[in-house]
Amino acid sequence: MNKHIMAWAIALLASGSAAAIDLSDDGSLKLTGFYNLTGAKVLSGSAQGSSTPWTYQQWKCPCTVQGWEYASVYEKSEGWQFDRESLVGFQLKKEFSPTLSATAQVLVRANNPNRGSRPTLDWAYVTWQPSADSAWTLQAGQFRIPLYYYSDYLYIGYAYPWVRPAPDVYGWPIYAYQGANVTYRTQLGATDWAGTFHVWAGGYTQHNDAYDTLIYYTTPTHESWKDMVGGYVSANNGVFDVRGMMMWYKDTTWQDAPGGGRTTLVDAQGTRIMGISANMDYKDWLVKSELDRYEQVDDAKGINNVYKYALIGVGYQFGAWTPMYTFSRYTTVTEPIEARNTQYLSLRWDFRKNMALKAQYDVSKDKSHYAYPFFGDSKLISISLQGLF
């Protein structure tokens, strides 16, 4: 089914259509969409100082993980792979009145170990405002957790300069929440700055999630984030964009036990994630930066899980071309340390309205202190056709 939908979307894009499609006479029901058609190849790699091929979990390495949420792993032995990250998304919006609407977003992935390859409902929510020009917006339903600057459009590749945001920074086993949020937008005094204040609450449970099951445990593993409360504050003046975020929740991770019951790995552990980002888009210059910290600490239980991850990138636009250099880093702070440093050279070509062709070269160094070979060092080349319709 996903192949047929992707083929239809490609044909639609090739026709040059890139505007919302009215599905009703009064224009109250609209369909929009996006796509990423991505291929990548591992050029080389090594682990613990040796280039001898090795096996990590079910993967033949040299290899590299580029999508942690869906365990999008590329293997050198497979050559070019186009089914790890390619997807098509459809968003349907119904306006019932100037202040009330409903939105649903469906994604069709070439590879989706979380739910098989069938289409999945990523967003489904209602939006209400007290008045058409109100600064307040209330929403309820299912959303992506706004942990990162690009969370809301992580899979809309056309929205950012890279083939994908740095996987050293982007990716957790839980990426959605079911609940509600409130947003307040305002001009900050007599300045050019506009501010956004956003808070959310809810929870989400992912059974047999790809992140835990395929990357770390190999045994079907389930994870739940409950009592989620978070918020962010952002400010933008058209050149600079800054954002600060913090979220708290209770994390439970478990596996099914033989004969019934379950084996609990993490039991309702209080967890905090914090992040700041600062971006600049001035004339032809681009600067992207993000710094995050994950804290799951309980001295009584002997838990000290602290992770730090960050990216910084600089680019320059030459007409339709945007070359960019980016560096990212991820590390835990206690042994056994898991850590990576990655450098990216990316090139974006906006060769057609609402369409971009991207190429990227990644050099990743595994700094982990494991007794066994992890994902290791890798060099990866990627190409992607991304756009909107």
Protein backbone atom coordinates (compact mmCIF):
# COMPACT_ATOMS: atom_id res chain seq x y z
CA MET A 1 0.00 0.00 0.00
CA ASN A 2 2.74 2.45 0.88
CA LYS A 3 4.42 1.96 -2.52
CA HIS A 4 1.23 2.89 -4.35
CA ILE A 5 0.72 6.03 -2.26
CA MET A 6 4.34 7.08 -2.75
CA ALA A 7 4.06 6.56 -6.49
CA TRP A 8 0.91 8.71 -6.57
CA ALA A 9 2.62 11.46 -4.57
CA ILE A 10 5.66 11.45 -6.85
CA ALA A 11 3.43 11.80 -9.90
CA LEU A 12 1.59 14.68 -8.24
CA LEU A 13 4.85 16.42 -7.40
CA ALA A 14 6.24 15.96 -10.88
CA SER A 15 3.20 17.78 -12.23
CA GLY A 16 4.33 20.90 -10.35
CA SER A 17 1.34 21.01 -8.01
CA ALA A 18 2.38 22.48 -4.65
CA ALA A 19 -0.64 24.13 -3.12
CA ALA A 20 -3.38 23.07 -0.75
CA ILE A 21 -6.07 21.01 -2.46
CA ASP A 22 -9.65 22.07 -1.70
CA LEU A 23 -11.79 19.04 -0.98
CA SER A 24 -14.97 21.02 -0.40
CA ASP A 25 -16.75 23.74 -2.37
CA ASP A 26 -16.45 26.27 0.45
CA GLY A 27 -12.72 25.65 0.97
CA SER A 28 -13.19 24.50 4.56
CA LEU A 29 -11.61 21.08 3.93
CA LYS A 30 -8.04 21.15 2.61
CA LEU A 31 -5.38 18.56 1.85
CA THR A 32 -1.66 19.34 1.92
CA GLY A 33 1.36 17.09 1.95
CA PHE A 34 5.10 16.64 1.97
CA TYR A 35 7.64 14.00 1.02
CA ASN A 36 11.23 12.92 1.57
CA LEU A 37 12.69 10.50 -0.98
CA THR A 38 16.03 9.69 0.62
CA GLY A 39 18.85 7.32 -0.23
CA ALA A 40 22.16 6.83 1.56
CA LYS A 41 25.26 4.64 1.42
CA VAL A 42 27.84 3.82 4.08
CA LEU A 43 31.22 4.35 2.45
CA SER A 44 33.40 2.99 5.24
CA GLY A 45 33.55 2.39 8.95
CA SER A 46 35.42 0.86 11.85
CA ALA A 47 34.89 -0.10 15.48
CA GLN A 48 37.34 0.04 18.39
CA GLY A 49 40.19 0.81 16.03
CA SER A 50 39.55 -2.04 13.58
CA SER A 51 37.97 -1.88 10.12
CA THR A 52 37.15 -5.61 10.22
CA PRO A 53 33.38 -6.04 9.65
CA TRP A 54 31.40 -6.72 12.80
CA THR A 55 27.82 -7.42 13.85
CA TYR A 56 25.88 -5.19 16.23
CA GLN A 57 22.50 -6.64 17.21
CA GLN A 58 20.89 -7.68 13.88
CA TRP A 59 22.95 -5.30 11.72
CA LYS A 60 26.03 -6.08 9.69
CA CYS A 61 28.49 -3.27 10.21
CA PRO A 62 30.11 -0.92 9.19
CA CYS A 63 26.75 0.76 9.71
CA THR A 64 25.16 3.95 11.00
CA VAL A 65 21.82 4.87 12.59
CA GLN A 66 20.24 7.99 11.09
CA GLY A 67 16.74 7.79 12.58
CA TRP A 68 16.59 6.63 16.20
CA GLU A 69 12.79 6.77 16.50
CA TYR A 70 12.34 4.27 13.69
CA ALA A 71 15.74 2.51 13.85
CA SER A 72 16.71 3.75 10.39
CA VAL A 73 20.04 1.95 10.09
CA TYR A 74 22.23 1.92 6.97
CA GLU A 75 24.64 -1.00 6.38
CA LYS A 76 27.70 -0.84 4.15
CA SER A 77 27.03 -4.34 2.81
CA GLU A 78 23.64 -3.18 1.44
CA GLY A 79 25.08 -0.42 -0.77
CA TRP A 80 22.63 2.33 -1.60
CA GLN A 81 19.46 2.04 0.50
CA PHE A 82 16.35 4.07 -0.30
CA ASP A 83 13.89 2.46 2.10
CA ARG A 84 15.29 3.61 5.47
CA GLU A 85 13.92 7.17 5.65
CA SER A 86 11.76 7.78 2.58
CA LEU A 87 8.21 8.86 3.39
CA VAL A 88 5.15 10.72 2.21
CA GLY A 89 2.91 12.71 4.55
CA PHE A 90 -0.67 13.93 4.13
CA GLN A 91 -2.34 16.56 6.28
CA LEU A 92 -6.09 17.06 6.27
CA LYS A 93 -7.61 20.16 7.89
CA LYS A 94 -11.28 20.89 8.41
CA GLU A 95 -12.38 24.39 9.45
CA PHE A 96 -15.74 24.35 11.21
CA SER A 97 -15.65 28.08 11.95
CA PRO A 98 -13.05 30.89 12.06
CA THR A 99 -12.15 29.74 15.59
CA LEU A 100 -12.56 25.94 15.47
CA SER A 101 -10.78 23.39 13.29
CA ALA A 102 -9.61 19.76 13.26
CA THR A 103 -6.33 18.47 11.81
CA ALA A 104 -5.02 15.00 11.07
CA GLN A 105 -1.65 14.01 9.63
CA VAL A 106 -0.89 10.57 8.19
CA LEU A 107 2.60 9.33 7.33
CA VAL A 108 3.43 6.52 4.94
CA ARG A 109 6.97 5.24 5.49
CA ALA A 110 8.95 2.87 3.34
CA ASN A 111 10.24 1.41 6.62
CA ASN A 112 8.29 1.58 9.87
CA PRO A 113 9.31 -1.08 12.42
CA ASN A 114 7.14 0.58 15.08
CA ARG A 115 3.88 -0.14 13.26
CA GLY A 116 4.85 -2.18 10.21
CA SER A 117 4.77 -0.34 6.90
CA ARG A 118 1.13 0.62 7.05
CA PRO A 119 0.16 4.33 7.23
CA THR A 120 0.24 5.79 10.72
CA LEU A 121 -1.66 8.67 12.28
CA ASP A 122 1.04 10.98 13.63
CA TRP A 123 -1.12 14.00 14.44
CA ALA A 124 -4.83 14.23 15.27
CA TYR A 125 -6.11 17.27 17.15
CA VAL A 126 -8.69 20.02 17.41
CA THR A 127 -7.81 23.71 17.64
CA TRP A 128 -9.90 26.43 19.26
CA GLN A 129 -9.40 30.17 19.73
CA PRO A 130 -11.61 32.50 21.77
CA SER A 131 -11.84 34.77 18.71
CA ALA A 132 -10.41 34.85 15.21
CA ASP A 133 -7.78 37.42 16.22
CA SER A 134 -7.08 36.06 19.70
CA ALA A 135 -3.51 35.71 20.96
CA TRP A 136 -4.56 32.47 22.69
CA THR A 137 -4.79 29.04 21.04
CA LEU A 138 -5.98 25.84 22.74
CA GLN A 139 -5.47 22.37 21.27
CA ALA A 140 -6.31 18.81 22.33
CA GLY A 141 -5.47 15.45 20.77
CA GLN A 142 -2.25 13.74 19.65
CA PHE A 143 0.89 15.75 18.83
CA ARG A 144 4.64 15.45 18.50
CA ILE A 145 6.41 16.41 21.72
CA PRO A 146 8.03 19.82 21.07
CA LEU A 147 11.34 18.78 22.60
CA TYR A 148 13.43 20.25 19.81
CA TYR A 149 13.43 23.31 17.60
CA TYR A 150 12.40 21.20 14.59
CA SER A 151 10.07 18.82 16.43
CA ASP A 152 6.86 20.05 14.82
CA TYR A 153 8.20 19.45 11.32
CA LEU A 154 10.97 16.93 11.88
CA TYR A 155 9.84 14.86 8.89
CA ILE A 156 9.07 17.81 6.62
CA GLY A 157 12.56 17.88 5.16
CA TYR A 158 11.88 20.91 3.00
CA ALA A 159 11.73 23.02 6.21
CA TYR A 160 15.44 22.73 7.08
CA PRO A 161 18.80 22.85 5.24
CA TRP A 162 20.09 19.30 5.90
CA VAL A 163 18.97 15.94 4.57
CA ARG A 164 17.94 15.30 8.20
CA PRO A 165 18.53 17.10 11.52
CA ALA A 166 21.59 15.74 13.33
CA PRO A 167 20.70 12.25 14.68
CA ASP A 168 23.18 12.85 17.53
CA VAL A 169 20.60 15.35 18.84
CA TYR A 170 17.22 14.26 17.45
CA GLY A 171 15.67 11.00 18.59
CA TRP A 172 14.03 9.34 21.59
CA PRO A 173 11.82 6.22 21.92
CA ILE A 174 8.76 8.37 22.69
CA TYR A 175 8.10 11.18 20.22
CA ALA A 176 4.38 11.90 20.65
CA TYR A 177 1.95 12.75 23.41
CA GLN A 178 -1.80 12.56 23.83
CA GLY A 179 -3.09 15.50 25.79
CA ALA A 180 -3.58 19.24 25.45
CA ASN A 181 -1.59 22.45 25.00
CA VAL A 182 -2.05 26.21 25.26
CA THR A 183 -0.19 28.84 23.23
CA TYR A 184 0.01 32.59 23.74
CA ARG A 185 1.57 34.84 21.10
CA THR A 186 2.35 38.52 21.55
CA GLN A 187 4.52 41.37 20.35
CA LEU A 188 7.21 42.11 22.94
CA GLY A 189 6.64 45.76 23.69
CA ALA A 190 7.51 48.40 21.08
CA THR A 191 10.15 46.16 19.48
CA ASP A 192 10.52 43.98 16.43
CA TRP A 193 10.44 40.89 18.63
CA ALA A 194 7.46 38.54 18.76
CA GLY A 195 7.14 36.07 21.61
CA THR A 196 5.49 32.67 21.90
CA PHE A 197 4.65 30.96 25.20
CA HIS A 198 3.60 27.32 24.94
CA VAL A 199 2.75 24.73 27.62
CA TRP A 200 1.57 21.14 27.22
CA ALA A 201 0.57 18.12 29.31
CA GLY A 202 -0.23 14.48 28.57
CA GLY A 203 1.44 11.12 28.09
CA TYR A 204 2.13 8.33 25.62
CA THR A 205 2.88 4.60 25.59
CA GLN A 206 4.77 2.89 22.76
CA HIS A 207 4.66 -0.92 22.73
CA ASN A 208 7.58 -2.80 21.19
CA ASP A 209 9.20 0.47 20.15
CA ALA A 210 12.00 0.28 17.59
CA TYR A 211 14.41 2.43 19.61
CA ASP A 212 14.51 0.14 22.66
CA THR A 213 13.78 -3.18 20.98
CA LEU A 214 15.99 -3.01 17.89
CA ILE A 215 18.85 -0.76 18.98
CA TYR A 216 19.46 -1.73 22.61
CA TYR A 217 17.69 -4.87 23.87
CA THR A 218 16.73 -7.13 20.90
CA THR A 219 13.83 -8.31 23.11
CA PRO A 220 10.42 -6.64 22.57
CA THR A 221 10.53 -3.64 24.90
CA HIS A 222 7.81 -1.17 25.81
CA GLU A 223 8.13 2.38 27.12
CA SER A 224 5.69 4.85 28.61
CA TRP A 225 6.08 8.54 29.41
CA LYS A 226 3.34 9.60 31.83
CA ASP A 227 2.41 12.77 33.76
CA MET A 228 4.17 14.79 31.08
CA VAL A 229 4.32 18.54 31.72
CA GLY A 230 6.39 20.90 29.62
CA GLY A 231 6.72 24.34 28.15
CA TYR A 232 8.83 26.53 25.92
CA VAL A 233 9.34 30.23 25.37
CA SER A 234 10.57 31.57 22.03
CA ALA A 235 11.29 34.99 20.54
CA ASN A 236 11.86 36.00 16.93
CA ASN A 237 12.62 39.31 15.20
CA GLY A 238 12.97 38.07 11.63
CA VAL A 239 16.75 37.65 11.92
CA PHE A 240 17.31 35.94 15.26
CA ASP A 241 15.21 33.16 16.72
CA VAL A 242 15.80 31.92 20.27
CA ARG A 243 13.96 29.22 22.21
CA GLY A 244 14.14 27.66 25.67
CA MET A 245 12.32 24.42 26.61
CA MET A 246 11.88 22.19 29.67
CA MET A 247 9.78 19.07 30.20
CA TRP A 248 9.26 16.68 33.13
CA TYR A 249 7.66 13.23 33.05
CA LYS A 250 7.67 9.75 34.61
CA ASP A 251 9.43 7.10 32.54
CA THR A 252 8.52 3.41 32.71
CA THR A 253 10.25 0.78 30.56
CA TRP A 254 9.43 -2.93 30.67
CA GLN A 255 9.50 -6.26 28.84
CA ASP A 256 7.02 -9.10 28.80
CA ALA A 257 8.09 -11.91 31.14
CA PRO A 258 7.88 -15.57 30.07
CA GLY A 259 4.68 -17.11 31.35
CA GLY A 260 2.97 -13.76 31.88
CA GLY A 261 3.61 -10.61 33.84
CA ARG A 262 6.44 -8.25 33.03
CA THR A 263 10.04 -7.42 33.82
CA THR A 264 10.39 -3.75 34.75
CA LEU A 265 13.57 -2.02 33.63
CA VAL A 266 12.66 1.54 34.70
CA ASP A 267 9.79 2.13 37.10
CA ALA A 268 7.98 5.50 36.97
CA GLN A 269 11.29 7.34 37.14
CA GLY A 270 11.11 11.12 37.25
CA THR A 271 12.93 12.55 34.21
CA ARG A 272 13.70 16.04 32.97
CA ILE A 273 14.71 17.25 29.51
CA MET A 274 15.90 20.81 28.88
CA GLY A 275 16.94 22.54 25.69
CA ILE A 276 17.90 25.90 24.22
CA SER A 277 18.31 26.90 20.59
CA ALA A 278 19.55 30.05 18.89
CA ASN A 279 19.31 30.55 15.14
CA MET A 280 20.18 33.37 12.76
CA ASP A 281 19.05 34.01 9.20
CA TYR A 282 20.73 37.26 8.14
CA LYS A 283 20.96 38.21 4.47
CA ASP A 284 22.59 35.10 2.96
CA TRP A 285 24.05 33.70 6.20
CA LEU A 286 22.53 30.85 8.21
CA VAL A 287 23.51 29.83 11.74
CA LYS A 288 21.76 26.93 13.48
CA SER A 289 22.45 25.82 17.05
CA GLU A 290 20.80 23.65 19.66
CA LEU A 291 21.87 22.43 23.10
CA ASP A 292 19.94 19.85 25.14
CA ARG A 293 20.28 17.93 28.39
CA TYR A 294 18.47 14.80 29.63
CA GLU A 295 18.43 14.06 33.38
CA GLN A 296 17.15 10.88 35.00
CA VAL A 297 18.70 10.91 38.47
CA ASP A 298 17.65 8.98 41.59
CA ASP A 299 20.40 8.60 44.20
CA ALA A 300 18.32 6.16 46.26
CA LYS A 301 18.04 3.78 43.30
CA GLY A 302 21.59 4.40 42.09
CA ILE A 303 20.33 5.95 38.84
CA ASN A 304 22.44 8.68 37.25
CA ASN A 305 21.47 8.89 33.61
CA VAL A 306 22.54 12.27 32.28
CA TYR A 307 22.93 12.87 28.53
CA LYS A 308 24.21 15.99 26.80
CA TYR A 309 23.75 16.65 23.08
CA ALA A 310 24.25 19.66 20.83
CA LEU A 311 24.66 20.88 17.26
CA ILE A 312 25.98 24.00 15.58
CA GLY A 313 25.95 24.75 11.86
CA VAL A 314 26.91 27.62 9.55
CA GLY A 315 25.74 28.02 5.96
CA TYR A 316 25.65 30.57 3.16
CA GLN A 317 23.10 30.90 0.38
CA PHE A 318 24.32 31.43 -3.18
CA GLY A 319 21.11 31.97 -5.11
CA ALA A 320 19.39 28.58 -5.19
CA TRP A 321 22.36 26.84 -3.54
CA THR A 322 22.96 26.55 0.23
CA PRO A 323 26.16 24.81 1.36
CA MET A 324 26.51 24.23 5.11
CA TYR A 325 28.94 22.84 7.67
CA THR A 326 27.50 21.34 10.88
CA PHE A 327 29.00 19.69 13.94
CA SER A 328 27.05 17.64 16.48
CA ARG A 329 27.91 15.81 19.68
CA TYR A 330 26.17 13.37 22.02
CA THR A 331 27.53 11.93 25.25
CA THR A 332 26.44 10.35 28.51
CA VAL A 333 28.28 11.43 31.66
CA THR A 334 28.71 8.14 33.55
CA GLU A 335 30.29 4.85 32.54
CA PRO A 336 29.75 2.96 30.37
CA ILE A 337 29.79 6.14 28.29
CA GLU A 338 27.93 6.27 24.99
CA ALA A 339 29.14 9.14 22.83
CA ARG A 340 29.47 10.31 19.22
CA ASN A 341 30.90 13.30 17.38
CA THR A 342 29.77 13.97 13.81
CA GLN A 343 30.69 16.47 11.11
CA TYR A 344 28.34 17.16 8.20
CA LEU A 345 28.85 18.83 4.84
CA SER A 346 25.46 19.47 3.24
CA LEU A 347 24.33 21.13 0.03
CA ARG A 348 20.77 22.18 -0.73
CA TRP A 349 19.59 23.10 -4.23
CA ASP A 350 16.17 24.78 -4.52
CA PHE A 351 15.81 23.99 -8.19
CA ARG A 352 12.03 24.29 -8.34
CA LYS A 353 9.26 25.92 -6.33
CA ASN A 354 8.55 23.90 -3.16
CA MET A 355 11.14 21.28 -4.15
CA ALA A 356 14.73 20.87 -3.00
CA LEU A 357 17.45 18.40 -3.86
CA LYS A 358 19.99 17.79 -1.08
CA ALA A 359 23.31 16.01 -0.80
CA GLN A 360 25.18 15.38 2.45
CA TYR A 361 28.45 13.80 3.59
CA ASP A 362 28.72 12.72 7.25
CA VAL A 363 31.81 11.67 9.17
CA SER A 364 30.88 10.17 12.55
CA LYS A 365 33.25 9.10 15.32
CA ASP A 366 32.08 6.66 17.98
CA LYS A 367 33.43 7.74 21.39
CA SER A 368 31.54 5.09 23.37
CA HIS A 369 33.22 3.11 26.16
CA TYR A 370 31.57 -0.25 25.58
CA ALA A 371 33.22 -3.64 25.95
CA TYR A 372 31.72 -4.62 22.59
CA PRO A 373 31.64 -2.84 19.20
CA PHE A 374 28.72 -0.42 19.05
CA PHE A 375 27.76 1.38 15.81
CA GLY A 376 31.37 2.49 15.40
CA ASP A 377 32.86 5.16 13.16
CA SER A 378 31.27 5.72 9.77
CA LYS A 379 31.33 7.80 6.63
CA LEU A 380 27.94 8.23 4.98
CA ILE A 381 26.79 9.92 1.78
CA SER A 382 23.10 10.83 1.40
CA ILE A 383 20.89 12.29 -1.31
CA SER A 384 17.29 13.39 -0.88
CA LEU A 385 14.51 14.95 -2.92
CA GLN A 386 12.22 16.84 -0.54
CA GLY A 387 9.24 19.09 -0.98
CA LEU A 388 5.66 20.12 -0.37
CA PHE A 389 2.41 19.58 -2.24
